Amino acid sequence: MDPAILADPPDKKRTRGAEVSETRTTDPVFPPGRYGRRRSGRRRSVLPLVVLIVVVAASLLLSVRLFQQFGRTDYEPQIVGWDEPSAAVLSIEFKVRVPAGRPAECVLRARDYDGFEVGRRTVVVRPTGNETTIDAKETVPTTARASVGDVLSCRPPA
């Protein structure tokens, strides 16, 4: 090696200062006004929490009201089966849960093999006495051969 190139010739006996075994920690000192003001140790605002509680309570109240208005109805249809006596008629057998002794107006639908609607009929079924379940069998005229019968909805008669 050429000693002229090196600033310090290699010296194995020489150390570059005292060895340090620990680092001092101090709080950083920031110039005033440069980084904004520091946060104080005070608690956060309660306003976001209050707003969140009000929004959740309003959502729950709205959900309960809508469920009472549109949720479970007193008129609940259940399909039992269907029969195809001819190519122009479909016979649908169904049950309807109703309030005691009240009639129901039900919308029946007939569909072909591809799922297209080929017939629809609205019927009023009446219980005998104070029954809460009405067993009914009604026919739906069709424009083509039907393969499936449905009860779309039941409600109080208009």
Protein backbone atom coordinates (compact mmCIF):
# COMPACT_ATOMS: atom_id res chain seq x y z
CA MET A 1 0.00 0.00 0.00
CA ASP A 2 1.05 3.48 -0.74
CA PRO A 3 1.12 5.57 2.49
CA ALA A 4 0.76 8.79 0.50
CA ILE A 5 -2.79 7.91 -0.49
CA LEU A 6 -4.02 7.14 3.00
CA ALA A 7 -4.77 10.02 5.32
CA ASP A 8 -3.97 7.95 8.38
CA PRO A 9 -1.50 5.16 8.14
CA PRO A 10 -2.77 1.98 9.75
CA ASP A 11 -1.98 1.96 13.43
CA LYS A 12 -3.12 -0.98 15.46
CA LYS A 13 -2.25 0.55 18.81
CA ARG A 14 -4.23 3.70 18.40
CA THR A 15 -7.96 4.05 19.28
CA ARG A 16 -10.22 6.78 18.00
CA GLY A 17 -11.56 7.96 21.35
CA ALA A 18 -13.19 6.50 24.40
CA GLU A 19 -15.63 3.72 23.84
CA VAL A 20 -19.22 4.64 24.69
CA SER A 21 -21.44 2.05 26.29
CA GLU A 22 -24.66 4.00 26.77
CA THR A 23 -26.71 6.57 24.93
CA ARG A 24 -28.22 9.50 26.73
CA THR A 25 -31.91 10.09 26.08
CA THR A 26 -33.36 13.53 26.31
CA ASP A 27 -36.63 14.96 25.19
CA PRO A 28 -36.32 16.59 21.80
CA VAL A 29 -36.33 20.36 21.74
CA PHE A 30 -38.37 21.80 18.88
CA PRO A 31 -38.10 25.40 17.74
CA PRO A 32 -41.19 27.32 18.94
CA GLY A 33 -43.91 27.80 16.32
CA ARG A 34 -42.33 25.54 13.73
CA TYR A 35 -44.29 22.30 14.17
CA GLY A 36 -47.56 23.56 15.63
CA ARG A 37 -48.53 23.13 19.22
CA ARG A 38 -47.98 19.93 21.13
CA ARG A 39 -50.92 17.91 22.37
CA SER A 40 -51.72 18.32 25.96
CA GLY A 41 -52.52 15.38 28.19
CA ARG A 42 -56.22 16.22 28.34
CA ARG A 43 -58.95 13.76 27.34
CA ARG A 44 -60.46 13.62 23.89
CA SER A 45 -63.75 15.26 23.03
CA VAL A 46 -66.90 13.32 23.90
CA LEU A 47 -68.84 14.68 20.91
CA PRO A 48 -67.89 11.94 18.38
CA LEU A 49 -68.92 9.26 20.87
CA VAL A 50 -72.28 10.97 21.54
CA VAL A 51 -72.93 11.31 17.79
CA LEU A 52 -72.13 7.62 17.28
CA ILE A 53 -74.53 6.57 20.06
CA VAL A 54 -77.32 8.76 18.63
CA VAL A 55 -76.83 7.35 15.11
CA VAL A 56 -76.87 3.73 16.35
CA ALA A 57 -79.98 4.34 18.50
CA ALA A 58 -81.81 6.03 15.59
CA SER A 59 -80.88 3.13 13.29
CA LEU A 60 -82.22 0.59 15.77
CA LEU A 61 -85.48 2.49 16.24
CA LEU A 62 -85.95 2.79 12.49
CA SER A 63 -85.23 -0.92 12.01
CA VAL A 64 -87.79 -1.93 14.66
CA ARG A 65 -90.45 0.38 13.19
CA LEU A 66 -89.90 -0.89 9.65
CA PHE A 67 -89.99 -4.51 10.82
CA GLN A 68 -93.30 -3.88 12.62
CA GLN A 69 -94.70 -2.20 9.53
CA PHE A 70 -93.37 -4.48 6.76
CA GLY A 71 -91.72 -7.46 8.44
CA ARG A 72 -93.81 -10.38 9.49
CA THR A 73 -97.35 -10.28 8.18
CA ASP A 74 -100.47 -11.92 9.56
CA TYR A 75 -101.13 -13.51 6.16
CA GLU A 76 -98.54 -16.16 5.40
CA PRO A 77 -99.03 -18.46 2.37
CA GLN A 78 -97.45 -21.88 1.93
CA ILE A 79 -97.57 -23.87 -1.30
CA VAL A 80 -98.64 -27.49 -0.91
CA GLY A 81 -98.53 -28.60 -4.53
CA TRP A 82 -99.87 -28.16 -8.04
CA ASP A 83 -101.48 -30.32 -10.68
CA GLU A 84 -101.83 -29.91 -14.41
CA PRO A 85 -105.25 -31.24 -15.45
CA SER A 86 -104.96 -29.78 -18.99
CA ALA A 87 -102.71 -27.58 -21.14
CA ALA A 88 -104.89 -24.52 -20.42
CA VAL A 89 -105.36 -24.86 -16.64
CA LEU A 90 -103.09 -25.34 -13.60
CA SER A 91 -104.56 -26.34 -10.25
CA ILE A 92 -102.66 -24.97 -7.22
CA GLU A 93 -103.12 -26.31 -3.68
CA PHE A 94 -101.96 -24.04 -0.86
CA LYS A 95 -102.40 -23.09 2.82
CA VAL A 96 -102.71 -19.59 4.25
CA ARG A 97 -102.15 -18.58 7.88
CA VAL A 98 -104.64 -15.80 8.70
CA PRO A 99 -105.98 -14.02 11.78
CA ALA A 100 -108.82 -16.06 13.31
CA GLY A 101 -111.86 -16.15 11.02
CA ARG A 102 -110.58 -13.57 8.49
CA PRO A 103 -110.53 -14.16 4.70
CA ALA A 104 -107.42 -13.71 2.54
CA GLU A 105 -106.86 -12.40 -0.97
CA CYS A 106 -104.06 -14.35 -2.66
CA VAL A 107 -102.26 -13.88 -5.96
CA LEU A 108 -101.57 -17.18 -7.76
CA ARG A 109 -99.17 -17.58 -10.67
CA ALA A 110 -98.50 -20.33 -13.20
CA ARG A 111 -95.14 -20.62 -14.96
CA ASP A 112 -93.96 -22.74 -17.86
CA TYR A 113 -90.90 -25.00 -17.89
CA ASP A 114 -88.58 -22.08 -18.78
CA GLY A 115 -89.90 -19.97 -15.87
CA PHE A 116 -92.01 -17.55 -17.90
CA GLU A 117 -95.37 -16.56 -16.46
CA VAL A 118 -98.24 -18.11 -18.43
CA GLY A 119 -101.11 -17.36 -16.06
CA ARG A 120 -102.08 -15.27 -13.03
CA ARG A 121 -105.18 -15.10 -10.91
CA THR A 122 -106.26 -13.31 -7.73
CA VAL A 123 -108.58 -15.32 -5.48
CA VAL A 124 -110.30 -14.70 -2.14
CA VAL A 125 -110.28 -17.68 0.21
CA ARG A 126 -112.50 -17.81 3.29
CA PRO A 127 -112.11 -19.92 6.44
CA THR A 128 -114.86 -22.02 7.87
CA GLY A 129 -115.58 -20.71 11.37
CA ASN A 130 -112.72 -19.25 13.41
CA GLU A 131 -109.84 -21.11 11.76
CA THR A 132 -106.36 -19.58 11.57
CA THR A 133 -105.28 -21.78 8.64
CA ILE A 134 -107.14 -22.01 5.34
CA ASP A 135 -106.58 -24.99 3.05
CA ALA A 136 -107.45 -24.07 -0.52
CA LYS A 137 -107.24 -25.50 -4.02
CA GLU A 138 -107.77 -23.05 -6.92
CA THR A 139 -107.32 -23.20 -10.69
CA VAL A 140 -105.36 -20.71 -12.78
CA PRO A 141 -106.16 -20.37 -16.51
CA THR A 142 -102.96 -20.45 -18.60
CA THR A 143 -101.97 -19.36 -22.11
CA ALA A 144 -99.56 -22.30 -22.54
CA ARG A 145 -98.73 -25.55 -20.78
CA ALA A 146 -97.69 -24.71 -17.20
CA SER A 147 -95.27 -26.71 -15.09
CA VAL A 148 -94.98 -24.75 -11.80
CA GLY A 149 -97.53 -23.04 -9.58
CA ASP A 150 -96.74 -20.26 -7.09
CA VAL A 151 -98.57 -18.28 -4.42
CA LEU A 152 -97.00 -14.84 -4.75
CA SER A 153 -98.67 -13.11 -1.81
CA CYS A 154 -101.67 -13.08 0.48
CA ARG A 155 -103.21 -10.10 2.24
CA PRO A 156 -106.53 -8.93 3.66
CA PRO A 157 -109.19 -8.55 0.95
CA ALA A 158 -109.56 -5.04 -0.46
